[in-house]
C-alpha atoms as a PDB file:
ATOM      1  CA  UNK A   1     -37.225  37.428 -56.737  1.00  0.00           C
ATOM      2  CA  UNK A   2     -40.656  35.240 -57.068  1.00  0.00           C
ATOM      3  CA  UNK A   3     -39.563  33.583 -53.662  1.00  0.00           C
ATOM      4  CA  UNK A   4     -37.749  33.795 -50.681  1.00  0.00           C
ATOM      5  CA  UNK A   5     -34.570  31.836 -49.392  1.00  0.00           C
ATOM      6  CA  UNK A   6     -32.741  32.967 -46.298  1.00  0.00           C
ATOM      7  CA  UNK A   7     -28.908  33.443 -45.784  1.00  0.00           C
ATOM      8  CA  UNK A   8     -27.919  34.208 -49.407  1.00  0.00           C
ATOM      9  CA  UNK A   9     -25.009  36.113 -49.903  1.00  0.00           C
ATOM     10  CA  UNK A  10     -25.794  39.912 -49.981  1.00  0.00           C
ATOM     11  CA  UNK A  11     -25.304  41.321 -53.741  1.00  0.00           C
ATOM     12  CA  UNK A  12     -24.766  44.825 -54.491  1.00  0.00           C
ATOM     13  CA  UNK A  13     -27.699  46.573 -56.051  1.00  0.00           C
ATOM     14  CA  UNK A  14     -27.598  48.589 -59.379  1.00  0.00           C
ATOM     15  CA  UNK A  15     -25.833  50.960 -60.283  1.00  0.00           C
ATOM     16  CA  UNK A  16     -23.064  48.874 -59.131  1.00  0.00           C
ATOM     17  CA  UNK A  17     -19.584  49.866 -58.498  1.00  0.00           C
ATOM     18  CA  UNK A  18     -18.486  46.454 -57.423  1.00  0.00           C
ATOM     19  CA  UNK A  19     -20.126  42.889 -58.281  1.00  0.00           C
ATOM     20  CA  UNK A  20     -20.515  44.126 -62.052  1.00  0.00           C
ATOM     21  CA  UNK A  21     -21.303  41.760 -64.733  1.00  0.00           C
ATOM     22  CA  UNK A  22     -20.113  42.735 -67.943  1.00  0.00           C
ATOM     23  CA  UNK A  23     -21.828  41.199 -70.788  1.00  0.00           C
ATOM     24  CA  UNK A  24     -20.575  40.460 -74.351  1.00  0.00           C
ATOM     25  CA  UNK A  25     -22.892  40.981 -77.121  1.00  0.00           C
ATOM     26  CA  UNK A  26     -21.333  39.381 -80.412  1.00  0.00           C
ATOM     27  CA  UNK A  27     -24.312  40.679 -82.797  1.00  0.00           C
ATOM     28  CA  UNK A  28     -27.644  40.444 -81.219  1.00  0.00           C
ATOM     29  CA  UNK A  29     -30.727  41.635 -83.260  1.00  0.00           C
ATOM     30  CA  UNK A  30     -33.354  44.214 -81.523  1.00  0.00           C
ATOM     31  CA  UNK A  31     -35.819  41.415 -80.822  1.00  0.00           C
ATOM     32  CA  UNK A  32     -33.030  39.588 -79.291  1.00  0.00           C
ATOM     33  CA  UNK A  33     -31.766  42.389 -77.241  1.00  0.00           C
ATOM     34  CA  UNK A  34     -35.473  42.916 -76.096  1.00  0.00           C
ATOM     35  CA  UNK A  35     -35.806  39.397 -74.923  1.00  0.00           C
ATOM     36  CA  UNK A  36     -32.615  39.458 -73.390  1.00  0.00           C
ATOM     37  CA  UNK A  37     -33.246  42.708 -71.465  1.00  0.00           C
ATOM     38  CA  UNK A  38     -36.729  41.196 -70.158  1.00  0.00           C
ATOM     39  CA  UNK A  39     -34.733  38.302 -68.621  1.00  0.00           C
ATOM     40  CA  UNK A  40     -31.379  39.599 -67.667  1.00  0.00           C
ATOM     41  CA  UNK A  41     -31.381  43.512 -67.175  1.00  0.00           C
ATOM     42  CA  UNK A  42     -31.243  43.072 -63.400  1.00  0.00           C
ATOM     43  CA  UNK A  43     -28.084  41.238 -63.342  1.00  0.00           C
ATOM     44  CA  UNK A  44     -26.442  43.111 -66.027  1.00  0.00           C
ATOM     45  CA  UNK A  45     -24.296  46.201 -65.475  1.00  0.00           C
ATOM     46  CA  UNK A  46     -22.587  47.034 -68.617  1.00  0.00           C
ATOM     47  CA  UNK A  47     -22.894  45.623 -72.397  1.00  0.00           C
ATOM     48  CA  UNK A  48     -19.861  45.541 -74.800  1.00  0.00           C
ATOM     49  CA  UNK A  49     -20.797  45.237 -78.390  1.00  0.00           C
ATOM     50  CA  UNK A  50     -17.724  42.813 -79.123  1.00  0.00           C
ATOM     51  CA  UNK A  51     -14.671  43.873 -81.281  1.00  0.00           C
ATOM     52  CA  UNK A  52     -16.056  45.429 -84.272  1.00  0.00           C
ATOM     53  CA  UNK A  53     -19.479  44.102 -84.643  1.00  0.00           C
ATOM     54  CA  UNK A  54     -21.227  47.445 -84.051  1.00  0.00           C
ATOM     55  CA  UNK A  55     -19.746  48.395 -87.390  1.00  0.00           C
ATOM     56  CA  UNK A  56     -21.865  45.604 -89.280  1.00  0.00           C
ATOM     57  CA  UNK A  57     -24.921  45.584 -86.992  1.00  0.00           C
ATOM     58  CA  UNK A  58     -28.246  46.425 -88.543  1.00  0.00           C
ATOM     59  CA  UNK A  59     -30.725  48.560 -86.904  1.00  0.00           C
ATOM     60  CA  UNK A  60     -27.940  49.922 -84.025  1.00  0.00           C
ATOM     61  CA  UNK A  61     -29.668  52.856 -83.103  1.00  0.00           C
ATOM     62  CA  UNK A  62     -32.990  51.072 -82.329  1.00  0.00           C
ATOM     63  CA  UNK A  63     -30.636  48.144 -80.449  1.00  0.00           C
ATOM     64  CA  UNK A  64     -28.989  50.930 -78.650  1.00  0.00           C
ATOM     65  CA  UNK A  65     -32.438  52.338 -77.731  1.00  0.00           C
ATOM     66  CA  UNK A  66     -33.584  49.218 -76.101  1.00  0.00           C
ATOM     67  CA  UNK A  67     -30.474  48.948 -73.991  1.00  0.00           C
ATOM     68  CA  UNK A  68     -31.187  52.662 -72.627  1.00  0.00           C
ATOM     69  CA  UNK A  69     -34.801  51.933 -72.032  1.00  0.00           C
ATOM     70  CA  UNK A  70     -33.491  49.245 -69.370  1.00  0.00           C
ATOM     71  CA  UNK A  71     -30.857  51.470 -68.078  1.00  0.00           C
ATOM     72  CA  UNK A  72     -27.974  49.246 -69.171  1.00  0.00           C
ATOM     73  CA  UNK A  73     -24.827  51.382 -70.508  1.00  0.00           C
ATOM     74  CA  UNK A  74     -23.201  50.106 -73.648  1.00  0.00           C
ATOM     75  CA  UNK A  75     -19.899  50.750 -75.343  1.00  0.00           C
ATOM     76  CA  UNK A  76     -18.037  49.687 -78.268  1.00  0.00           C
ATOM     77  CA  UNK A  77     -15.188  46.845 -78.255  1.00  0.00           C
ATOM     78  CA  UNK A  78     -11.579  47.607 -77.775  1.00  0.00           C
ATOM     79  CA  UNK A  79     -10.668  46.295 -81.228  1.00  0.00           C
ATOM     80  CA  UNK A  80     -12.807  48.953 -82.875  1.00  0.00           C
ATOM     81  CA  UNK A  81     -11.144  51.577 -81.107  1.00  0.00           C
ATOM     82  CA  UNK A  82      -7.842  49.979 -82.136  1.00  0.00           C
ATOM     83  CA  UNK A  83      -8.905  50.020 -85.993  1.00  0.00           C
ATOM     84  CA  UNK A  84      -9.605  53.662 -85.565  1.00  0.00           C
ATOM     85  CA  UNK A  85      -6.001  54.468 -83.828  1.00  0.00           C
ATOM     86  CA  UNK A  86      -4.363  52.200 -86.505  1.00  0.00           C
ATOM     87  CA  UNK A  87      -5.878  54.598 -89.081  1.00  0.00           C
ATOM     88  CA  UNK A  88      -5.027  57.879 -87.075  1.00  0.00           C
ATOM     89  CA  UNK A  89      -8.671  58.268 -86.846  1.00  0.00           C
ATOM     90  CA  UNK A  90      -9.321  58.700 -82.984  1.00  0.00           C
ATOM     91  CA  UNK A  91     -11.241  61.987 -83.254  1.00  0.00           C
ATOM     92  CA  UNK A  92     -13.390  60.410 -85.767  1.00  0.00           C
ATOM     93  CA  UNK A  93     -13.884  57.602 -83.034  1.00  0.00           C
ATOM     94  CA  UNK A  94     -14.767  60.393 -80.632  1.00  0.00           C
ATOM     95  CA  UNK A  95     -17.701  61.730 -82.675  1.00  0.00           C
ATOM     96  CA  UNK A  96     -19.079  58.443 -83.628  1.00  0.00           C
ATOM     97  CA  UNK A  97     -19.500  57.698 -79.963  1.00  0.00           C
ATOM     98  CA  UNK A  98     -20.985  61.109 -79.428  1.00  0.00           C
ATOM     99  CA  UNK A  99     -23.400  60.460 -82.189  1.00  0.00           C
ATOM    100  CA  UNK A 100     -24.652  57.267 -80.724  1.00  0.00           C
ATOM    101  CA  UNK A 101     -24.774  58.716 -77.103  1.00  0.00           C
ATOM    102  CA  UNK A 102     -22.179  56.165 -75.871  1.00  0.00           C
ATOM    103  CA  UNK A 103     -20.959  57.300 -72.502  1.00  0.00           C
ATOM    104  CA  UNK A 104     -18.331  54.559 -71.779  1.00  0.00           C
ATOM    105  CA  UNK A 105     -15.184  53.841 -73.859  1.00  0.00           C
ATOM    106  CA  UNK A 106     -12.770  50.984 -73.841  1.00  0.00           C
ATOM    107  CA  UNK A 107      -9.110  51.795 -74.531  1.00  0.00           C
ATOM    108  CA  UNK A 108      -6.921  48.791 -75.610  1.00  0.00           C
ATOM    109  CA  UNK A 109      -3.882  47.694 -77.245  1.00  0.00           C
ATOM    110  CA  UNK A 110      -4.202  43.781 -77.168  1.00  0.00           C
ATOM    111  CA  UNK A 111      -3.576  43.700 -81.075  1.00  0.00           C
ATOM    112  CA  UNK A 112      -2.039  46.728 -82.195  1.00  0.00           C
ATOM    113  CA  UNK A 113       1.398  48.213 -80.797  1.00  0.00           C
ATOM    114  CA  UNK A 114       0.567  51.369 -78.689  1.00  0.00           C
ATOM    115  CA  UNK A 115       3.249  52.658 -76.511  1.00  0.00           C
ATOM    116  CA  UNK A 116       2.432  52.924 -73.024  1.00  0.00           C
ATOM    117  CA  UNK A 117       2.705  56.578 -72.615  1.00  0.00           C
ATOM    118  CA  UNK A 118       0.630  56.918 -75.665  1.00  0.00           C
ATOM    119  CA  UNK A 119      -1.824  54.748 -74.217  1.00  0.00           C
ATOM    120  CA  UNK A 120      -1.743  56.820 -71.188  1.00  0.00           C
ATOM    121  CA  UNK A 121      -2.206  60.105 -73.015  1.00  0.00           C
ATOM    122  CA  UNK A 122      -5.228  58.581 -74.755  1.00  0.00           C
ATOM    123  CA  UNK A 123      -6.809  57.675 -71.234  1.00  0.00           C
ATOM    124  CA  UNK A 124      -5.998  61.249 -69.866  1.00  0.00           C
ATOM    125  CA  UNK A 125      -7.793  62.785 -73.003  1.00  0.00           C
ATOM    126  CA  UNK A 126     -10.781  60.574 -73.198  1.00  0.00           C
ATOM    127  CA  UNK A 127     -11.396  60.417 -69.517  1.00  0.00           C
ATOM    128  CA  UNK A 128     -12.458  64.205 -69.672  1.00  0.00           C
ATOM    129  CA  UNK A 129     -15.311  63.189 -72.044  1.00  0.00           C
ATOM    130  CA  UNK A 130     -16.021  59.536 -71.188  1.00  0.00           C
ATOM    131  CA  UNK A 131     -15.952  56.891 -68.612  1.00  0.00           C
ATOM    132  CA  UNK A 132     -12.836  55.105 -69.376  1.00  0.00           C
ATOM    133  CA  UNK A 133     -12.382  51.136 -69.080  1.00  0.00           C
ATOM    134  CA  UNK A 134      -8.718  50.246 -70.045  1.00  0.00           C
ATOM    135  CA  UNK A 135      -7.977  46.839 -70.959  1.00  0.00           C
ATOM    136  CA  UNK A 136      -4.390  45.246 -70.222  1.00  0.00           C
ATOM    137  CA  UNK A 137      -3.154  41.916 -71.448  1.00  0.00           C
ATOM    138  CA  UNK A 138      -2.194  40.681 -74.891  1.00  0.00           C
ATOM    139  CA  UNK A 139      -4.551  38.536 -77.420  1.00  0.00           C
ATOM    140  CA  UNK A 140      -1.426  36.824 -78.624  1.00  0.00           C
ATOM    141  CA  UNK A 141      -1.189  33.608 -76.011  1.00  0.00           C
ATOM    142  CA  UNK A 142       2.622  33.766 -76.730  1.00  0.00           C
ATOM    143  CA  UNK A 143       2.960  37.213 -75.258  1.00  0.00           C
ATOM    144  CA  UNK A 144       3.162  36.938 -71.579  1.00  0.00           C
ATOM    145  CA  UNK A 145       3.166  39.939 -69.455  1.00  0.00           C
ATOM    146  CA  UNK A 146       4.987  39.504 -66.018  1.00  0.00           C
ATOM    147  CA  UNK A 147       3.271  40.062 -63.165  1.00  0.00           C
ATOM    148  CA  UNK A 148       4.930  43.270 -62.018  1.00  0.00           C
ATOM    149  CA  UNK A 149       4.417  44.806 -65.253  1.00  0.00           C
ATOM    150  CA  UNK A 150       0.716  43.999 -64.894  1.00  0.00           C
ATOM    151  CA  UNK A 151       0.736  45.810 -61.508  1.00  0.00           C
ATOM    152  CA  UNK A 152       2.710  48.756 -62.824  1.00  0.00           C
ATOM    153  CA  UNK A 153       0.678  49.317 -66.025  1.00  0.00           C
ATOM    154  CA  UNK A 154      -2.831  49.011 -63.913  1.00  0.00           C
ATOM    155  CA  UNK A 155      -1.476  51.640 -61.260  1.00  0.00           C
ATOM    156  CA  UNK A 156      -0.651  53.871 -64.044  1.00  0.00           C
ATOM    157  CA  UNK A 157      -3.770  53.565 -66.092  1.00  0.00           C
ATOM    158  CA  UNK A 158      -5.772  54.165 -62.985  1.00  0.00           C
ATOM    159  CA  UNK A 159      -3.845  57.271 -62.171  1.00  0.00           C
ATOM    160  CA  UNK A 160      -4.250  58.641 -65.796  1.00  0.00           C
ATOM    161  CA  UNK A 161      -8.104  58.364 -65.059  1.00  0.00           C
ATOM    162  CA  UNK A 162      -9.473  54.782 -65.982  1.00  0.00           C
ATOM    163  CA  UNK A 163     -12.696  53.857 -63.909  1.00  0.00           C
ATOM    164  CA  UNK A 164     -11.899  50.293 -64.129  1.00  0.00           C
ATOM    165  CA  UNK A 165      -9.189  47.987 -65.453  1.00  0.00           C
ATOM    166  CA  UNK A 166     -10.385  45.019 -67.699  1.00  0.00           C
ATOM    167  CA  UNK A 167      -7.900  41.932 -67.416  1.00  0.00           C
ATOM    168  CA  UNK A 168      -7.686  40.561 -71.059  1.00  0.00           C
ATOM    169  CA  UNK A 169      -8.980  36.781 -71.651  1.00  0.00           C
ATOM    170  CA  UNK A 170     -10.763  37.086 -74.966  1.00  0.00           C
ATOM    171  CA  UNK A 171     -14.017  35.374 -75.598  1.00  0.00           C
ATOM    172  CA  UNK A 172     -12.190  32.030 -75.517  1.00  0.00           C
ATOM    173  CA  UNK A 173     -10.621  32.373 -71.928  1.00  0.00           C
ATOM    174  CA  UNK A 174      -7.202  31.345 -73.036  1.00  0.00           C
ATOM    175  CA  UNK A 175      -5.170  34.402 -72.907  1.00  0.00           C
ATOM    176  CA  UNK A 176      -4.145  37.212 -70.696  1.00  0.00           C
ATOM    177  CA  UNK A 177      -4.837  36.019 -67.043  1.00  0.00           C
ATOM    178  CA  UNK A 178      -5.312  32.795 -68.236  1.00  0.00           C
ATOM    179  CA  UNK A 179      -3.187  30.004 -69.885  1.00  0.00           C
ATOM    180  CA  UNK A 180      -3.895  28.374 -73.002  1.00  0.00           C
ATOM    181  CA  UNK A 181      -5.627  25.485 -71.535  1.00  0.00           C
ATOM    182  CA  UNK A 182      -7.991  27.957 -69.707  1.00  0.00           C
ATOM    183  CA  UNK A 183      -6.353  27.641 -66.318  1.00  0.00           C
ATOM    184  CA  UNK A 184      -6.319  30.701 -63.992  1.00  0.00           C
ATOM    185  CA  UNK A 185      -2.897  32.051 -63.685  1.00  0.00           C
ATOM    186  CA  UNK A 186      -3.437  32.219 -59.937  1.00  0.00           C
ATOM    187  CA  UNK A 187       0.075  33.640 -59.002  1.00  0.00           C
ATOM    188  CA  UNK A 188      -0.571  36.539 -61.285  1.00  0.00           C
ATOM    189  CA  UNK A 189      -4.024  37.379 -59.855  1.00  0.00           C
ATOM    190  CA  UNK A 190      -2.376  37.174 -56.195  1.00  0.00           C
ATOM    191  CA  UNK A 191       0.233  39.668 -57.097  1.00  0.00           C
ATOM    192  CA  UNK A 192      -2.143  41.929 -58.857  1.00  0.00           C
ATOM    193  CA  UNK A 193      -4.816  42.063 -56.005  1.00  0.00           C
ATOM    194  CA  UNK A 194      -2.070  42.204 -52.948  1.00  0.00           C
ATOM    195  CA  UNK A 195      -1.272  45.667 -54.598  1.00  0.00           C
ATOM    196  CA  UNK A 196      -4.468  46.783 -56.246  1.00  0.00           C
ATOM    197  CA  UNK A 197      -8.095  46.495 -55.069  1.00  0.00           C
ATOM    198  CA  UNK A 198     -10.227  44.023 -56.977  1.00  0.00           C
ATOM    199  CA  UNK A 199     -12.834  46.406 -57.158  1.00  0.00           C
ATOM    200  CA  UNK A 200     -10.975  48.363 -59.900  1.00  0.00           C
ATOM    201  CA  UNK A 201     -10.608  45.142 -61.749  1.00  0.00           C
ATOM    202  CA  UNK A 202     -12.931  43.553 -64.308  1.00  0.00           C
ATOM    203  CA  UNK A 203     -11.791  39.807 -64.669  1.00  0.00           C
ATOM    204  CA  UNK A 204     -12.843  38.407 -68.108  1.00  0.00           C
ATOM    205  CA  UNK A 205     -13.885  34.995 -67.147  1.00  0.00           C
ATOM    206  CA  UNK A 206     -16.074  33.569 -70.128  1.00  0.00           C
ATOM    207  CA  UNK A 207     -15.764  29.618 -68.862  1.00  0.00           C
ATOM    208  CA  UNK A 208     -18.192  28.410 -66.050  1.00  0.00           C
ATOM    209  CA  UNK A 209     -15.174  27.158 -64.266  1.00  0.00           C
ATOM    210  CA  UNK A 210     -13.271  30.356 -64.458  1.00  0.00           C
ATOM    211  CA  UNK A 211     -16.259  32.241 -62.946  1.00  0.00           C
ATOM    212  CA  UNK A 212     -16.273  29.715 -60.282  1.00  0.00           C
ATOM    213  CA  UNK A 213     -12.519  30.358 -59.503  1.00  0.00           C
ATOM    214  CA  UNK A 214     -13.201  34.101 -59.088  1.00  0.00           C
ATOM    215  CA  UNK A 215     -16.362  33.879 -56.889  1.00  0.00           C
ATOM    216  CA  UNK A 216     -14.444  31.610 -54.707  1.00  0.00           C
ATOM    217  CA  UNK A 217     -11.559  33.676 -54.423  1.00  0.00           C
ATOM    218  CA  UNK A 218     -13.050  36.884 -54.017  1.00  0.00           C
ATOM    219  CA  UNK A 219     -16.773  36.347 -53.203  1.00  0.00           C
ATOM    220  CA  UNK A 220     -20.099  37.017 -54.604  1.00  0.00           C
ATOM    221  CA  UNK A 221     -19.480  40.906 -55.437  1.00  0.00           C
ATOM    222  CA  UNK A 222     -16.151  40.446 -57.623  1.00  0.00           C
ATOM    223  CA  UNK A 223     -16.317  42.111 -61.271  1.00  0.00           C
ATOM    224  CA  UNK A 224     -16.589  39.651 -64.022  1.00  0.00           C
ATOM    225  CA  UNK A 225     -16.538  40.273 -67.727  1.00  0.00           C
ATOM    226  CA  UNK A 226     -17.292  38.663 -71.303  1.00  0.00           C
ATOM    227  CA  UNK A 227     -20.220  36.935 -70.193  1.00  0.00           C
ATOM    228  CA  UNK A 228     -22.508  35.590 -72.829  1.00  0.00           C
ATOM    229  CA  UNK A 229     -25.924  36.962 -73.008  1.00  0.00           C
ATOM    230  CA  UNK A 230     -27.155  33.433 -72.447  1.00  0.00           C
ATOM    231  CA  UNK A 231     -25.167  32.741 -69.305  1.00  0.00           C
ATOM    232  CA  UNK A 232     -26.051  36.043 -67.171  1.00  0.00           C
ATOM    233  CA  UNK A 233     -28.593  34.133 -65.180  1.00  0.00           C
ATOM    234  CA  UNK A 234     -26.347  31.209 -64.713  1.00  0.00           C
ATOM    235  CA  UNK A 235     -23.482  33.504 -63.426  1.00  0.00           C
ATOM    236  CA  UNK A 236     -25.969  35.239 -60.885  1.00  0.00           C
ATOM    237  CA  UNK A 237     -27.038  31.831 -59.448  1.00  0.00           C
ATOM    238  CA  UNK A 238     -23.109  31.137 -59.176  1.00  0.00           C
ATOM    239  CA  UNK A 239     -22.938  34.298 -57.331  1.00  0.00           C
ATOM    240  CA  UNK A 240     -25.578  33.367 -55.007  1.00  0.00           C
ATOM    241  CA  UNK A 241     -24.653  29.930 -54.194  1.00  0.00           C
ATOM    242  CA  UNK A 242     -27.509  28.462 -56.102  1.00  0.00           C
ATOM    243  CA  UNK A 243     -25.794  26.383 -58.385  1.00  0.00           C
ATOM    244  CA  UNK A 244     -23.839  23.256 -57.082  1.00  0.00           C
ATOM    245  CA  UNK A 245     -20.527  24.612 -58.078  1.00  0.00           C
ATOM    246  CA  UNK A 246     -20.761  27.382 -55.271  1.00  0.00           C
ATOM    247  CA  UNK A 247     -23.575  26.068 -53.137  1.00  0.00           C
ATOM    248  CA  UNK A 248     -21.609  25.104 -50.213  1.00  0.00           C
ATOM    249  CA  UNK A 249     -19.033  28.047 -50.469  1.00  0.00           C
ATOM    250  CA  UNK A 250     -21.765  30.526 -49.191  1.00  0.00           C
ATOM    251  CA  UNK A 251     -24.090  28.542 -46.695  1.00  0.00           C
ATOM    252  CA  UNK A 252     -23.749  25.296 -44.767  1.00  0.00           C
ATOM    253  CA  UNK A 253     -26.910  24.602 -42.786  1.00  0.00           C
ATOM    254  CA  UNK A 254     -26.151  23.852 -39.048  1.00  0.00           C
ATOM    255  CA  UNK A 255     -27.081  20.780 -37.085  1.00  0.00           C
ATOM    256  CA  UNK A 256     -29.332  22.623 -34.878  1.00  0.00           C
ATOM    257  CA  UNK A 257     -31.214  24.153 -37.906  1.00  0.00           C
ATOM    258  CA  UNK A 258     -31.326  20.632 -39.483  1.00  0.00           C
ATOM    259  CA  UNK A 259     -32.898  19.184 -36.365  1.00  0.00           C
ATOM    260  CA  UNK A 260     -35.690  21.571 -36.785  1.00  0.00           C
ATOM    261  CA  UNK A 261     -36.095  20.374 -40.336  1.00  0.00           C
ATOM    262  CA  UNK A 262     -35.526  16.683 -40.542  1.00  0.00           C
ATOM    263  CA  UNK A 263     -36.005  13.774 -38.050  1.00  0.00           C
ATOM    264  CA  UNK A 264     -32.980  11.696 -37.105  1.00  0.00           C
ATOM    265  CA  UNK A 265     -34.197   8.932 -39.401  1.00  0.00           C
ATOM    266  CA  UNK A 266     -34.730  11.273 -42.165  1.00  0.00           C
ATOM    267  CA  UNK A 267     -31.249  12.632 -41.635  1.00  0.00           C
ATOM    268  CA  UNK A 268     -29.964   9.209 -41.724  1.00  0.00           C
ATOM    269  CA  UNK A 269     -31.446   8.551 -45.001  1.00  0.00           C
ATOM    270  CA  UNK A 270     -30.121  11.918 -46.505  1.00  0.00           C
ATOM    271  CA  UNK A 271     -26.513  11.063 -45.182  1.00  0.00           C
ATOM    272  CA  UNK A 272     -26.798   7.717 -47.161  1.00  0.00           C
ATOM    273  CA  UNK A 273     -27.935   9.354 -50.363  1.00  0.00           C
ATOM    274  CA  UNK A 274     -31.570   8.126 -49.891  1.00  0.00           C
ATOM    275  CA  UNK A 275     -34.710   9.622 -50.792  1.00  0.00           C
END
């Protein structure tokens, strides 16, 4: 950091097991990735090449190489996985990941129908070769999964070998753990985290208000996903209480310390909103 500020929340260091920021790359060019990594690699733990963008991305190998130079693991979006499964080409998908030296794999069924048993079998199989992130939640806003079922599915998929569970929200933040208006399904989150460690979960939260909710609820080192490349530094300031939304959640200066900084007259002006 370029300068020092005391009493900030203690953030975990890379490689992180918690406090993860999972970033959504929606089709950056090689040059854009270089710029992104220069500014934000310190705060980026994983990058997902969203849905099927890797299929149409030019200079994919060069792009992946830049991420590797900055020690940022990359994986392909769950929709691409589903596209291969839909065509009965799972083994081809495995070979694709090996070709591009992708160590992480997202298993999802947010759009296609995939039985719970089949999904668990795939997780078991894939976890022998890859670090598996399994996504739970439908991309259909009308498909509401009851909390008890969320809990059971998460438990089963962790037992099958998933490293983390991604709680669905889409890029819009209007499905899965959120209502169509973007409001957090707080009761659902409470029930899930009452039985499952939050450190095993990555909450997709693309909107600032959603990020603030999770940080206030679980602290600076909550795992958050679906973050736009342009919002990574903004999220880090929220985690550290360096944005107004969380400034008072992490540190409130005491009267004794205030006495050492301001005179009584100065404090009176501050309390009255004067400069």
